[in-house]
Amino acid sequence: MIDWTVHIKIFTTLLAIVNPLGIIPFFVGLTAGMGETERKRTAHTTSIAVAVVLTVATLLGNPVLKFFGVSIASFKVGGGILLMLMSIDMMQARYKHTNQTPEEAQEAEEKESIAVVPIAVPLLAGPGAISTVIIYADQSFHPLHIGLIILSCLLVALLTWASLTVAAPVSRLMSRTSINIATRLMGLLLAAIAVEFISGGIAQLLPGMAR
């Protein structure tokens, strides 16, 4: 039996981390010099890149960890800390400073093609989203479980495409304050999930503490 509550949680977590609503001001700024057709093509390429990166991480993340001798418990603690840092930034309405440095942001403004780097990676499908799908994929290697995680990745990518496609009109209708409020709420949810990852990893590394 598939626990649908778990998979709804996975989808919600990914949506909160990727946060396609929060990227709108940055997308509009980075594509300011583009025409409507080029902006839509950039949104299309970005969403495909997000789907590919998260799907590959779901399928190959655990084998890569095993190759380097990293336990999933250690990865949970590390990933949880990363998510906590992201959630703190989000609750302060600072967009994903853990994903992109100021130098990278400046370089992005000078690039002709920005769909894959830096918008898709690392702004959307960054370390937080990648570590999340790897951790959830480790819960069960049943094909249906992995397939539903991939479906969540594709749905998030689809919502990202929809958000970026209407970014220009939405940015005119929604104030920065309203976007910040939504980002803060997602950050609060992300903080709770980060605590679960960290506590779960510590319980596996130090089982005596869980008693």
N, C-alpha and C. Protein backbone atom coordinates (compact mmCIF):
# COMPACT_ATOMS: atom_id res chain seq x y z
N MET A 1 0.84 -1.20 0.00
CA MET A 1 0.00 0.00 0.00
C MET A 1 0.88 1.26 0.00
N ILE A 2 0.52 2.21 -0.83
CA ILE A 2 1.23 3.47 -0.89
C ILE A 2 0.59 4.45 0.09
N ASP A 3 1.42 5.05 0.93
CA ASP A 3 0.95 6.07 1.86
C ASP A 3 0.90 7.40 1.11
N TRP A 4 -0.29 7.80 0.71
CA TRP A 4 -0.43 9.01 -0.10
C TRP A 4 -0.08 10.26 0.70
N THR A 5 -0.24 10.19 2.02
CA THR A 5 0.13 11.34 2.86
C THR A 5 1.60 11.66 2.72
N VAL A 6 2.41 10.60 2.66
CA VAL A 6 3.86 10.79 2.51
C VAL A 6 4.19 11.47 1.18
N HIS A 7 3.52 11.05 0.12
CA HIS A 7 3.83 11.59 -1.19
C HIS A 7 3.27 13.00 -1.37
N ILE A 8 2.17 13.30 -0.71
CA ILE A 8 1.68 14.68 -0.70
C ILE A 8 2.70 15.57 0.02
N LYS A 9 3.25 15.03 1.11
CA LYS A 9 4.29 15.76 1.84
C LYS A 9 5.53 15.98 0.99
N ILE A 10 5.93 14.97 0.23
CA ILE A 10 7.10 15.11 -0.66
C ILE A 10 6.86 16.22 -1.68
N PHE A 11 5.68 16.20 -2.30
CA PHE A 11 5.35 17.23 -3.29
C PHE A 11 5.34 18.62 -2.66
N THR A 12 4.72 18.73 -1.48
CA THR A 12 4.64 20.02 -0.79
C THR A 12 6.03 20.53 -0.42
N THR A 13 6.88 19.61 0.05
CA THR A 13 8.25 19.98 0.41
C THR A 13 9.01 20.51 -0.79
N LEU A 14 8.94 19.78 -1.90
CA LEU A 14 9.63 20.21 -3.12
C LEU A 14 9.11 21.56 -3.61
N LEU A 15 7.80 21.74 -3.53
CA LEU A 15 7.21 22.99 -3.98
C LEU A 15 7.70 24.16 -3.12
N ALA A 16 7.81 23.91 -1.80
CA ALA A 16 8.28 24.95 -0.89
C ALA A 16 9.74 25.30 -1.16
N ILE A 17 10.55 24.28 -1.45
CA ILE A 17 11.98 24.52 -1.70
C ILE A 17 12.20 25.22 -3.03
N VAL A 18 11.59 24.70 -4.08
CA VAL A 18 11.77 25.30 -5.40
C VAL A 18 11.16 26.70 -5.44
N ASN A 19 9.99 26.83 -4.82
CA ASN A 19 9.33 28.14 -4.65
C ASN A 19 9.23 28.91 -5.96
N PRO A 20 8.46 28.41 -6.92
CA PRO A 20 8.36 29.08 -8.22
C PRO A 20 7.75 30.48 -8.14
N LEU A 21 6.98 30.75 -7.08
CA LEU A 21 6.42 32.09 -6.92
C LEU A 21 7.51 33.09 -6.52
N GLY A 22 8.41 32.65 -5.64
CA GLY A 22 9.46 33.55 -5.16
C GLY A 22 10.47 33.92 -6.21
N ILE A 23 10.60 33.10 -7.26
CA ILE A 23 11.60 33.37 -8.31
C ILE A 23 11.12 34.43 -9.29
N ILE A 24 9.83 34.76 -9.27
CA ILE A 24 9.25 35.67 -10.27
C ILE A 24 10.00 37.01 -10.36
N PRO A 25 10.25 37.71 -9.23
CA PRO A 25 10.96 39.01 -9.36
C PRO A 25 12.34 38.86 -9.98
N PHE A 26 13.05 37.79 -9.64
CA PHE A 26 14.39 37.56 -10.18
C PHE A 26 14.32 37.22 -11.67
N PHE A 27 13.33 36.40 -12.04
CA PHE A 27 13.17 36.02 -13.44
C PHE A 27 12.86 37.25 -14.29
N VAL A 28 11.96 38.08 -13.79
CA VAL A 28 11.60 39.29 -14.53
C VAL A 28 12.81 40.19 -14.69
N GLY A 29 13.61 40.32 -13.62
CA GLY A 29 14.80 41.15 -13.68
C GLY A 29 15.85 40.62 -14.65
N LEU A 30 16.07 39.31 -14.62
CA LEU A 30 17.10 38.71 -15.46
C LEU A 30 16.70 38.66 -16.93
N THR A 31 15.39 38.69 -17.20
CA THR A 31 14.92 38.61 -18.59
C THR A 31 14.36 39.95 -19.07
N ALA A 32 14.75 41.02 -18.39
CA ALA A 32 14.18 42.33 -18.70
C ALA A 32 14.42 42.75 -20.14
N GLY A 33 15.55 42.35 -20.71
CA GLY A 33 15.88 42.76 -22.07
C GLY A 33 15.34 41.84 -23.15
N MET A 34 14.59 40.83 -22.75
CA MET A 34 14.08 39.84 -23.71
C MET A 34 12.69 40.21 -24.21
N GLY A 35 12.38 39.73 -25.42
CA GLY A 35 11.03 39.84 -25.93
C GLY A 35 10.15 38.76 -25.32
N GLU A 36 8.86 38.83 -25.57
CA GLU A 36 7.92 37.88 -24.98
C GLU A 36 8.21 36.45 -25.43
N THR A 37 8.51 36.26 -26.71
CA THR A 37 8.79 34.92 -27.22
C THR A 37 10.04 34.34 -26.58
N GLU A 38 11.08 35.15 -26.46
CA GLU A 38 12.33 34.67 -25.87
C GLU A 38 12.15 34.37 -24.38
N ARG A 39 11.34 35.19 -23.71
CA ARG A 39 11.09 34.95 -22.29
C ARG A 39 10.36 33.63 -22.08
N LYS A 40 9.38 33.36 -22.95
CA LYS A 40 8.64 32.10 -22.84
C LYS A 40 9.55 30.90 -23.14
N ARG A 41 10.44 31.06 -24.11
CA ARG A 41 11.39 29.99 -24.42
C ARG A 41 12.33 29.74 -23.23
N THR A 42 12.72 30.80 -22.56
CA THR A 42 13.57 30.66 -21.37
C THR A 42 12.82 29.93 -20.26
N ALA A 43 11.54 30.27 -20.07
CA ALA A 43 10.72 29.59 -19.06
C ALA A 43 10.59 28.10 -19.38
N HIS A 44 10.40 27.79 -20.66
CA HIS A 44 10.25 26.40 -21.10
C HIS A 44 11.54 25.61 -20.83
N THR A 45 12.67 26.19 -21.20
CA THR A 45 13.96 25.52 -20.99
C THR A 45 14.26 25.35 -19.51
N THR A 46 13.93 26.35 -18.72
CA THR A 46 14.16 26.28 -17.27
C THR A 46 13.37 25.14 -16.64
N SER A 47 12.10 25.02 -16.98
CA SER A 47 11.26 23.99 -16.39
C SER A 47 11.75 22.59 -16.78
N ILE A 48 12.20 22.42 -18.02
CA ILE A 48 12.74 21.13 -18.44
C ILE A 48 14.01 20.80 -17.65
N ALA A 49 14.87 21.80 -17.47
CA ALA A 49 16.10 21.58 -16.72
C ALA A 49 15.81 21.20 -15.28
N VAL A 50 14.82 21.85 -14.66
CA VAL A 50 14.43 21.50 -13.28
C VAL A 50 13.96 20.05 -13.21
N ALA A 51 13.12 19.65 -14.17
CA ALA A 51 12.61 18.28 -14.18
C ALA A 51 13.74 17.27 -14.36
N VAL A 52 14.68 17.55 -15.26
CA VAL A 52 15.78 16.62 -15.52
C VAL A 52 16.69 16.50 -14.31
N VAL A 53 17.07 17.63 -13.71
CA VAL A 53 17.98 17.61 -12.57
C VAL A 53 17.39 16.84 -11.39
N LEU A 54 16.13 17.10 -11.07
CA LEU A 54 15.50 16.45 -9.92
C LEU A 54 15.26 14.96 -10.19
N THR A 55 14.90 14.62 -11.42
CA THR A 55 14.68 13.21 -11.77
C THR A 55 15.99 12.43 -11.70
N VAL A 56 17.05 12.99 -12.24
CA VAL A 56 18.36 12.33 -12.19
C VAL A 56 18.82 12.17 -10.74
N ALA A 57 18.60 13.18 -9.92
CA ALA A 57 18.97 13.09 -8.50
C ALA A 57 18.18 11.99 -7.79
N THR A 58 16.91 11.85 -8.15
CA THR A 58 16.08 10.80 -7.55
C THR A 58 16.61 9.41 -7.90
N LEU A 59 17.00 9.23 -9.16
CA LEU A 59 17.42 7.91 -9.63
C LEU A 59 18.87 7.58 -9.27
N LEU A 60 19.75 8.57 -9.28
CA LEU A 60 21.18 8.30 -9.12
C LEU A 60 21.78 8.83 -7.82
N GLY A 61 21.01 9.55 -7.05
CA GLY A 61 21.54 10.15 -5.82
C GLY A 61 22.11 9.14 -4.85
N ASN A 62 21.35 8.09 -4.54
CA ASN A 62 21.80 7.09 -3.58
C ASN A 62 23.02 6.30 -4.07
N PRO A 63 23.06 5.86 -5.33
CA PRO A 63 24.27 5.20 -5.81
C PRO A 63 25.51 6.08 -5.71
N VAL A 64 25.36 7.38 -5.96
CA VAL A 64 26.49 8.30 -5.86
C VAL A 64 26.97 8.39 -4.42
N LEU A 65 26.02 8.48 -3.48
CA LEU A 65 26.39 8.53 -2.06
C LEU A 65 27.14 7.27 -1.65
N LYS A 66 26.65 6.13 -2.09
CA LYS A 66 27.31 4.87 -1.74
C LYS A 66 28.70 4.79 -2.36
N PHE A 67 28.85 5.31 -3.57
CA PHE A 67 30.15 5.30 -4.23
C PHE A 67 31.18 6.08 -3.42
N PHE A 68 30.74 7.20 -2.83
CA PHE A 68 31.65 8.02 -2.04
C PHE A 68 31.67 7.62 -0.56
N GLY A 69 30.92 6.58 -0.20
CA GLY A 69 30.93 6.10 1.17
C GLY A 69 30.21 7.00 2.16
N VAL A 70 29.23 7.75 1.69
CA VAL A 70 28.47 8.65 2.57
C VAL A 70 27.17 7.95 2.98
N SER A 71 26.92 7.87 4.28
CA SER A 71 25.70 7.22 4.75
C SER A 71 24.52 8.17 4.57
N ILE A 72 23.34 7.59 4.40
CA ILE A 72 22.14 8.42 4.23
C ILE A 72 21.83 9.17 5.52
N ALA A 73 22.23 8.62 6.68
CA ALA A 73 22.00 9.30 7.95
C ALA A 73 22.80 10.60 8.00
N SER A 74 24.06 10.53 7.62
CA SER A 74 24.89 11.74 7.57
C SER A 74 24.34 12.74 6.56
N PHE A 75 23.86 12.21 5.44
CA PHE A 75 23.32 13.08 4.40
C PHE A 75 22.04 13.77 4.89
N LYS A 76 21.24 13.06 5.70
CA LYS A 76 20.03 13.66 6.27
C LYS A 76 20.37 14.84 7.15
N VAL A 77 21.39 14.66 8.00
CA VAL A 77 21.78 15.75 8.89
C VAL A 77 22.30 16.93 8.08
N GLY A 78 23.18 16.65 7.11
CA GLY A 78 23.71 17.71 6.27
C GLY A 78 22.63 18.40 5.45
N GLY A 79 21.76 17.58 4.85
CA GLY A 79 20.66 18.14 4.06
C GLY A 79 19.69 18.93 4.91
N GLY A 80 19.44 18.44 6.13
CA GLY A 80 18.54 19.15 7.05
C GLY A 80 19.10 20.51 7.45
N ILE A 81 20.40 20.57 7.71
CA ILE A 81 21.03 21.85 8.05
C ILE A 81 20.93 22.82 6.87
N LEU A 82 21.16 22.30 5.66
CA LEU A 82 21.05 23.14 4.47
C LEU A 82 19.62 23.68 4.31
N LEU A 83 18.62 22.81 4.51
CA LEU A 83 17.23 23.25 4.41
C LEU A 83 16.91 24.28 5.49
N MET A 84 17.47 24.09 6.70
CA MET A 84 17.23 25.06 7.77
C MET A 84 17.79 26.43 7.41
N LEU A 85 18.99 26.46 6.83
CA LEU A 85 19.57 27.73 6.41
C LEU A 85 18.71 28.39 5.32
N MET A 86 18.20 27.56 4.39
CA MET A 86 17.33 28.09 3.35
C MET A 86 16.04 28.64 3.94
N SER A 87 15.47 27.91 4.92
CA SER A 87 14.21 28.34 5.52
C SER A 87 14.38 29.65 6.28
N ILE A 88 15.54 29.83 6.93
CA ILE A 88 15.81 31.09 7.64
C ILE A 88 15.85 32.25 6.65
N ASP A 89 16.52 32.03 5.52
CA ASP A 89 16.55 33.06 4.48
C ASP A 89 15.15 33.36 3.97
N MET A 90 14.36 32.30 3.74
CA MET A 90 13.01 32.49 3.21
C MET A 90 12.12 33.23 4.21
N MET A 91 12.25 32.91 5.50
CA MET A 91 11.42 33.57 6.51
C MET A 91 11.81 35.03 6.69
N GLN A 92 13.02 35.39 6.24
CA GLN A 92 13.44 36.79 6.26
C GLN A 92 13.30 37.42 4.89
N ALA A 93 12.63 36.69 3.97
CA ALA A 93 12.39 37.18 2.61
C ALA A 93 13.68 37.46 1.87
N ARG A 94 14.73 36.68 2.19
CA ARG A 94 15.97 36.74 1.42
C ARG A 94 15.98 35.49 0.56
N TYR A 95 16.11 35.67 -0.76
CA TYR A 95 15.90 34.52 -1.65
C TYR A 95 17.14 33.68 -1.84
N LYS A 96 17.21 32.55 -1.14
CA LYS A 96 18.17 31.48 -1.40
C LYS A 96 19.61 31.95 -1.54
N HIS A 97 20.10 32.63 -0.53
CA HIS A 97 21.50 33.04 -0.55
C HIS A 97 22.43 31.83 -0.49
N THR A 98 21.93 30.69 0.00
CA THR A 98 22.76 29.49 0.05
C THR A 98 22.95 28.88 -1.33
N ASN A 99 22.19 29.35 -2.30
CA ASN A 99 22.25 28.77 -3.64
C ASN A 99 23.12 29.58 -4.60
N GLN A 100 23.22 30.88 -4.38
CA GLN A 100 23.89 31.72 -5.36
C GLN A 100 24.63 32.84 -4.66
N THR A 101 25.86 33.05 -5.07
CA THR A 101 26.67 34.12 -4.51
C THR A 101 26.40 35.42 -5.28
N PRO A 102 26.74 36.58 -4.70
CA PRO A 102 26.56 37.84 -5.43
C PRO A 102 27.33 37.86 -6.74
N GLU A 103 28.51 37.23 -6.77
CA GLU A 103 29.29 37.18 -8.00
C GLU A 103 28.56 36.41 -9.09
N GLU A 104 27.91 35.29 -8.68
CA GLU A 104 27.15 34.50 -9.66
C GLU A 104 25.95 35.29 -10.16
N ALA A 105 25.32 36.05 -9.27
CA ALA A 105 24.17 36.87 -9.68
C ALA A 105 24.59 37.92 -10.69
N GLN A 106 25.75 38.56 -10.45
CA GLN A 106 26.26 39.56 -11.38
C GLN A 106 26.59 38.94 -12.73
N GLU A 107 27.20 37.74 -12.69
CA GLU A 107 27.54 37.04 -13.93
C GLU A 107 26.30 36.65 -14.70
N ALA A 108 25.22 36.29 -13.97
CA ALA A 108 23.98 35.88 -14.63
C ALA A 108 23.41 37.02 -15.46
N GLU A 109 23.53 38.26 -14.97
CA GLU A 109 22.98 39.39 -15.69
C GLU A 109 23.73 39.63 -17.00
N GLU A 110 24.97 39.11 -17.10
CA GLU A 110 25.77 39.34 -18.28
C GLU A 110 25.66 38.19 -19.29
N LYS A 111 24.99 37.10 -18.91
CA LYS A 111 24.90 35.95 -19.80
C LYS A 111 23.76 36.11 -20.79
N GLU A 112 23.95 35.57 -21.98
CA GLU A 112 22.88 35.59 -22.96
C GLU A 112 21.86 34.51 -22.65
N SER A 113 22.32 33.34 -22.25
CA SER A 113 21.41 32.24 -21.93
C SER A 113 21.47 31.98 -20.44
N ILE A 114 20.34 32.17 -19.76
CA ILE A 114 20.31 32.05 -18.30
C ILE A 114 19.30 31.00 -17.85
N ALA A 115 18.69 30.29 -18.79
CA ALA A 115 17.61 29.38 -18.45
C ALA A 115 18.08 28.24 -17.54
N VAL A 116 19.22 27.62 -17.91
CA VAL A 116 19.72 26.49 -17.13
C VAL A 116 20.53 26.97 -15.94
N VAL A 117 21.51 27.83 -16.20
CA VAL A 117 22.33 28.41 -15.14
C VAL A 117 22.23 29.92 -15.27
N PRO A 118 21.77 30.64 -14.23
CA PRO A 118 21.56 30.17 -12.86
C PRO A 118 20.11 29.93 -12.47
N ILE A 119 19.14 30.12 -13.40
CA ILE A 119 17.74 30.05 -12.96
C ILE A 119 17.36 28.63 -12.54
N ALA A 120 17.54 27.66 -13.45
CA ALA A 120 17.18 26.28 -13.10
C ALA A 120 18.08 25.74 -12.00
N VAL A 121 19.40 25.87 -12.23
CA VAL A 121 20.40 25.43 -11.25
C VAL A 121 21.38 26.58 -11.06
N PRO A 122 21.52 27.14 -9.85
CA PRO A 122 21.05 26.58 -8.58
C PRO A 122 19.83 27.26 -7.97
N LEU A 123 19.22 28.28 -8.63
CA LEU A 123 18.15 29.01 -7.98
C LEU A 123 16.92 28.16 -7.69
N LEU A 124 16.52 27.31 -8.64
CA LEU A 124 15.32 26.49 -8.44
C LEU A 124 15.68 25.07 -7.97
N ALA A 125 16.31 24.30 -8.83
CA ALA A 125 16.72 22.93 -8.45
C ALA A 125 18.13 22.99 -7.87
N GLY A 126 18.24 23.57 -6.69
CA GLY A 126 19.53 23.73 -6.04
C GLY A 126 19.85 22.60 -5.09
N PRO A 127 20.85 22.78 -4.25
CA PRO A 127 21.26 21.73 -3.31
C PRO A 127 20.15 21.26 -2.39
N GLY A 128 19.28 22.20 -1.96
CA GLY A 128 18.19 21.82 -1.06
C GLY A 128 17.22 20.85 -1.71
N ALA A 129 16.79 21.17 -2.94
CA ALA A 129 15.84 20.29 -3.64
C ALA A 129 16.48 18.96 -3.99
N ILE A 130 17.75 18.99 -4.40
CA ILE A 130 18.44 17.75 -4.77
C ILE A 130 18.60 16.83 -3.56
N SER A 131 19.03 17.40 -2.44
CA SER A 131 19.21 16.57 -1.23
C SER A 131 17.87 16.02 -0.75
N THR A 132 16.80 16.79 -0.92
CA THR A 132 15.48 16.34 -0.47
C THR A 132 15.01 15.11 -1.24
N VAL A 133 15.12 15.14 -2.58
CA VAL A 133 14.65 13.98 -3.35
C VAL A 133 15.52 12.76 -3.08
N ILE A 134 16.81 12.96 -2.82
CA ILE A 134 17.68 11.83 -2.50
C ILE A 134 17.26 11.19 -1.18
N ILE A 135 16.98 12.01 -0.18
CA ILE A 135 16.59 11.50 1.14
C ILE A 135 15.26 10.75 1.05
N TYR A 136 14.30 11.33 0.35
CA TYR A 136 12.99 10.66 0.24
C TYR A 136 13.09 9.39 -0.61
N ALA A 137 13.93 9.40 -1.62
CA ALA A 137 14.09 8.20 -2.46
C ALA A 137 14.67 7.04 -1.66
N ASP A 138 15.45 7.34 -0.64
CA ASP A 138 16.07 6.31 0.18
C ASP A 138 15.06 5.60 1.08
N GLN A 139 13.89 6.19 1.28
CA GLN A 139 12.89 5.58 2.17
C GLN A 139 12.38 4.25 1.65
N SER A 140 12.34 4.11 0.35
CA SER A 140 11.89 2.86 -0.26
C SER A 140 12.37 2.81 -1.71
N PHE A 141 12.84 1.63 -2.12
CA PHE A 141 13.30 1.49 -3.50
C PHE A 141 12.24 0.83 -4.38
N HIS A 142 11.00 0.79 -3.86
CA HIS A 142 9.90 0.24 -4.65
C HIS A 142 9.68 1.14 -5.87
N PRO A 143 9.53 0.53 -7.06
CA PRO A 143 9.37 1.33 -8.28
C PRO A 143 8.23 2.35 -8.21
N LEU A 144 7.12 1.98 -7.54
CA LEU A 144 6.00 2.92 -7.45
C LEU A 144 6.36 4.13 -6.61
N HIS A 145 7.08 3.89 -5.51
CA HIS A 145 7.53 5.00 -4.65
C HIS A 145 8.45 5.94 -5.43
N ILE A 146 9.42 5.39 -6.12
CA ILE A 146 10.35 6.21 -6.90
C ILE A 146 9.60 6.93 -8.02
N GLY A 147 8.66 6.21 -8.65
CA GLY A 147 7.87 6.81 -9.72
C GLY A 147 7.04 8.00 -9.24
N LEU A 148 6.48 7.90 -8.03
CA LEU A 148 5.68 8.99 -7.49
C LEU A 148 6.55 10.19 -7.11
N ILE A 149 7.78 9.93 -6.67
CA ILE A 149 8.70 11.04 -6.41
C ILE A 149 9.03 11.76 -7.70
N ILE A 150 9.28 10.98 -8.76
CA ILE A 150 9.56 11.59 -10.06
C ILE A 150 8.34 12.39 -10.55
N LEU A 151 7.14 11.84 -10.30
CA LEU A 151 5.92 12.56 -10.67
C LEU A 151 5.83 13.89 -9.93
N SER A 152 6.21 13.90 -8.65
CA SER A 152 6.23 15.14 -7.88
C SER A 152 7.21 16.13 -8.50
N CYS A 153 8.37 15.62 -8.91
CA CYS A 153 9.36 16.49 -9.57
C CYS A 153 8.80 17.10 -10.85
N LEU A 154 8.10 16.29 -11.63
CA LEU A 154 7.53 16.78 -12.89
C LEU A 154 6.42 17.79 -12.64
N LEU A 155 5.62 17.56 -11.60
CA LEU A 155 4.55 18.51 -11.28
C LEU A 155 5.13 19.84 -10.82
N VAL A 156 6.18 19.79 -10.01
CA VAL A 156 6.83 21.03 -9.57
C VAL A 156 7.43 21.76 -10.77
N ALA A 157 8.03 21.00 -11.70
CA ALA A 157 8.58 21.61 -12.91
C ALA A 157 7.47 22.25 -13.75
N LEU A 158 6.31 21.59 -13.82
CA LEU A 158 5.18 22.13 -14.57
C LEU A 158 4.68 23.43 -13.94
N LEU A 159 4.58 23.44 -12.60
CA LEU A 159 4.16 24.66 -11.91
C LEU A 159 5.19 25.77 -12.07
N THR A 160 6.46 25.38 -12.14
CA THR A 160 7.52 26.36 -12.39
C THR A 160 7.35 26.98 -13.77
N TRP A 161 7.08 26.14 -14.77
CA TRP A 161 6.84 26.64 -16.13
C TRP A 161 5.66 27.60 -16.14
N ALA A 162 4.56 27.23 -15.47
CA ALA A 162 3.38 28.09 -15.45
C ALA A 162 3.68 29.42 -14.77
N SER A 163 4.43 29.36 -13.68
CA SER A 163 4.77 30.57 -12.94
C SER A 163 5.66 31.51 -13.76
N LEU A 164 6.66 30.95 -14.42
CA LEU A 164 7.59 31.78 -15.20
C LEU A 164 6.93 32.31 -16.47
N THR A 165 5.99 31.54 -17.03
CA THR A 165 5.31 31.97 -18.25
C THR A 165 4.49 33.22 -18.00
N VAL A 166 3.88 33.30 -16.82
CA VAL A 166 3.03 34.46 -16.50
C VAL A 166 3.76 35.42 -15.55
N ALA A 167 5.08 35.31 -15.47
CA ALA A 167 5.85 36.09 -14.50
C ALA A 167 5.65 37.59 -14.67
N ALA A 168 5.71 38.06 -15.92
CA ALA A 168 5.61 39.50 -16.16
C ALA A 168 4.27 40.08 -15.70
N PRO A 169 3.12 39.52 -16.15
CA PRO A 169 1.85 40.07 -15.66
C PRO A 169 1.63 39.88 -14.16
N VAL A 170 2.08 38.74 -13.63
CA VAL A 170 1.92 38.50 -12.19
C VAL A 170 2.73 39.51 -11.38
N SER A 171 3.94 39.82 -11.85
CA SER A 171 4.77 40.79 -11.13
C SER A 171 4.13 42.17 -11.09
N ARG A 172 3.31 42.46 -12.09
CA ARG A 172 2.61 43.75 -12.10
C ARG A 172 1.38 43.72 -11.19
N LEU A 173 0.76 42.54 -11.06
CA LEU A 173 -0.45 42.44 -10.23
C LEU A 173 -0.13 42.24 -8.76
N MET A 174 0.92 41.46 -8.47
CA MET A 174 1.27 41.15 -7.08
C MET A 174 2.39 42.07 -6.62
N SER A 175 2.23 42.59 -5.43
CA SER A 175 3.30 43.40 -4.86
C SER A 175 4.41 42.51 -4.34
N ARG A 176 5.59 43.09 -4.15
CA ARG A 176 6.71 42.33 -3.59
C ARG A 176 6.36 41.84 -2.19
N THR A 177 5.56 42.63 -1.48
CA THR A 177 5.16 42.25 -0.11
C THR A 177 4.36 40.96 -0.11
N SER A 178 3.41 40.82 -1.04
CA SER A 178 2.58 39.61 -1.07
C SER A 178 3.41 38.39 -1.42
N ILE A 179 4.39 38.56 -2.33
CA ILE A 179 5.28 37.45 -2.66
C ILE A 179 6.14 37.08 -1.46
N ASN A 180 6.60 38.08 -0.72
CA ASN A 180 7.40 37.83 0.48
C ASN A 180 6.61 37.08 1.55
N ILE A 181 5.33 37.42 1.68
CA ILE A 181 4.48 36.72 2.67
C ILE A 181 4.38 35.24 2.32
N ALA A 182 4.13 34.94 1.04
CA ALA A 182 4.05 33.54 0.62
C ALA A 182 5.39 32.83 0.83
N THR A 183 6.49 33.52 0.55
CA THR A 183 7.82 32.94 0.74
C THR A 183 8.08 32.65 2.21
N ARG A 184 7.66 33.54 3.10
CA ARG A 184 7.86 33.33 4.54
C ARG A 184 7.07 32.12 5.03
N LEU A 185 5.84 31.96 4.52
CA LEU A 185 5.03 30.81 4.93
C LEU A 185 5.68 29.50 4.47
N MET A 186 6.20 29.48 3.24
CA MET A 186 6.91 28.30 2.75
C MET A 186 8.18 28.05 3.56
N GLY A 187 8.84 29.11 3.97
CA GLY A 187 10.03 28.97 4.79
C GLY A 187 9.74 28.34 6.14
N LEU A 188 8.59 28.69 6.73
CA LEU A 188 8.19 28.10 8.01
C LEU A 188 7.95 26.60 7.85
N LEU A 189 7.27 26.22 6.78
CA LEU A 189 7.05 24.80 6.50
C LEU A 189 8.37 24.08 6.29
N LEU A 190 9.27 24.72 5.57
CA LEU A 190 10.57 24.11 5.28
C LEU A 190 11.40 23.92 6.55
N ALA A 191 11.28 24.84 7.50
CA ALA A 191 12.02 24.71 8.77
C ALA A 191 11.58 23.47 9.53
N ALA A 192 10.26 23.22 9.54
CA ALA A 192 9.75 22.03 10.23
C ALA A 192 10.25 20.75 9.58
N ILE A 193 10.30 20.73 8.26
CA ILE A 193 10.80 19.55 7.54
C ILE A 193 12.29 19.37 7.79
N ALA A 194 13.03 20.48 7.87
CA ALA A 194 14.47 20.41 8.15
C ALA A 194 14.73 19.78 9.50
N VAL A 195 13.91 20.13 10.49
CA VAL A 195 14.06 19.53 11.83
C VAL A 195 13.83 18.03 11.77
N GLU A 196 12.85 17.61 10.97
CA GLU A 196 12.59 16.17 10.82
C GLU A 196 13.79 15.46 10.21
N PHE A 197 14.38 16.05 9.19
CA PHE A 197 15.56 15.45 8.55
C PHE A 197 16.72 15.33 9.54
N ILE A 198 16.97 16.41 10.26
CA ILE A 198 18.11 16.43 11.20
C ILE A 198 17.90 15.43 12.32
N SER A 199 16.70 15.44 12.92
CA SER A 199 16.43 14.52 14.03
C SER A 199 16.45 13.07 13.57
N GLY A 200 15.92 12.82 12.36
CA GLY A 200 15.94 11.46 11.82
C GLY A 200 17.35 10.97 11.56
N GLY A 201 18.20 11.85 11.02
CA GLY A 201 19.59 11.48 10.78
C GLY A 201 20.36 11.23 12.06
N ILE A 202 20.16 12.09 13.06
CA ILE A 202 20.84 11.91 14.35
C ILE A 202 20.39 10.62 15.02
N ALA A 203 19.09 10.30 14.93
CA ALA A 203 18.58 9.06 15.52
C ALA A 203 19.23 7.84 14.90
N GLN A 204 19.53 7.91 13.58
CA GLN A 204 20.21 6.80 12.92
C GLN A 204 21.70 6.73 13.28
N LEU A 205 22.32 7.91 13.38
CA LEU A 205 23.75 7.93 13.72
C LEU A 205 24.01 7.61 15.18
N LEU A 206 23.12 8.07 16.04
CA LEU A 206 23.25 7.86 17.48
C LEU A 206 21.97 7.24 18.02
N PRO A 207 21.75 5.95 17.77
CA PRO A 207 20.48 5.32 18.15
C PRO A 207 20.19 5.38 19.64
N GLY A 208 21.21 5.48 20.46
CA GLY A 208 20.99 5.56 21.91
C GLY A 208 20.23 6.79 22.31
N MET A 209 20.36 7.87 21.54
CA MET A 209 19.68 9.12 21.86
C MET A 209 18.19 9.06 21.57
N ALA A 210 17.79 8.09 20.73
CA ALA A 210 16.38 7.99 20.35
C ALA A 210 15.56 7.25 21.39
N ARG A 211 16.20 6.64 22.36
CA ARG A 211 15.47 5.87 23.37
C ARG A 211 14.95 6.77 24.48
